[in-house]
C-alpha cells in the first residue's frame, strides 16, 4: 500500500551510514530533512569511524 493510500506522508529523506570497511547501510527514513540531519549529526557526534549522511529518496 502506498503512502497516498494510507494517508501517510512519504518518508523522503534517508540517513545512510558507511563503516570503516566501506559498507553502506540505510539507517532510517524521515519525513523532513531537518529530522534526518539531526539524527545524522547525533550519530556522527558519537566519535566512531562511521560516516553518516542524508540523501533524498
Protein backbone atom coordinates (compact mmCIF):
# COMPACT_ATOMS: atom_id res chain seq x y z
CA UNK A 1 0.00 0.00 0.00
CA UNK A 2 1.39 3.40 -0.94
CA UNK A 3 1.69 6.45 1.30
CA UNK A 4 -1.18 8.07 -0.60
CA UNK A 5 -3.42 5.07 0.01
CA UNK A 6 -2.73 5.01 3.75
CA UNK A 7 -2.80 8.79 4.19
CA UNK A 8 0.78 8.79 5.47
CA UNK A 9 3.31 11.32 4.30
CA UNK A 10 6.16 9.77 2.33
CA UNK A 11 9.48 9.44 4.09
CA UNK A 12 11.64 11.29 1.60
CA UNK A 13 14.96 11.54 3.45
CA UNK A 14 17.32 8.66 4.22
CA UNK A 15 20.13 8.65 6.77
CA UNK A 16 22.98 6.49 5.46
CA UNK A 17 25.96 5.06 7.33
CA UNK A 18 29.26 3.90 5.91
CA UNK A 19 31.50 1.85 8.17
CA UNK A 20 35.29 1.79 8.19
CA UNK A 21 35.24 -1.16 5.75
CA UNK A 22 33.29 0.81 3.14
CA UNK A 23 29.98 -0.98 3.69
CA UNK A 24 26.93 1.26 3.36
CA UNK A 25 23.67 0.82 5.26
CA UNK A 26 20.35 2.64 5.38
CA UNK A 27 19.79 3.75 8.98
CA UNK A 28 16.23 5.07 8.69
CA UNK A 29 13.89 7.25 6.61
CA UNK A 30 12.36 10.56 7.71
CA UNK A 31 9.64 12.90 6.51
CA UNK A 32 11.72 16.04 6.92
CA UNK A 33 15.27 16.93 6.04
CA UNK A 34 15.67 18.61 9.43
CA UNK A 35 14.81 15.38 11.28
CA UNK A 36 17.22 13.36 9.14
CA UNK A 37 20.00 15.92 9.58
CA UNK A 38 19.52 15.88 13.36
CA UNK A 39 19.81 12.09 13.53
CA UNK A 40 22.89 12.05 11.28
CA UNK A 41 24.57 14.78 13.37
CA UNK A 42 23.80 12.96 16.62
CA UNK A 43 25.27 9.72 15.33
CA UNK A 44 28.31 11.45 13.84
CA UNK A 45 28.99 13.17 17.19
CA UNK A 46 29.46 9.81 18.90
CA UNK A 47 33.00 9.76 17.55
CA UNK A 48 33.04 6.38 15.81
CA UNK A 49 34.79 5.80 12.48
CA UNK A 50 31.48 5.59 10.62
CA UNK A 51 30.37 8.33 8.26
CA UNK A 52 26.74 9.46 8.22
CA UNK A 53 24.95 11.49 5.57
CA UNK A 54 21.44 12.38 4.39
CA UNK A 55 20.11 11.82 0.89
CA UNK A 56 16.75 12.37 -0.74
CA UNK A 57 14.84 9.24 -1.77
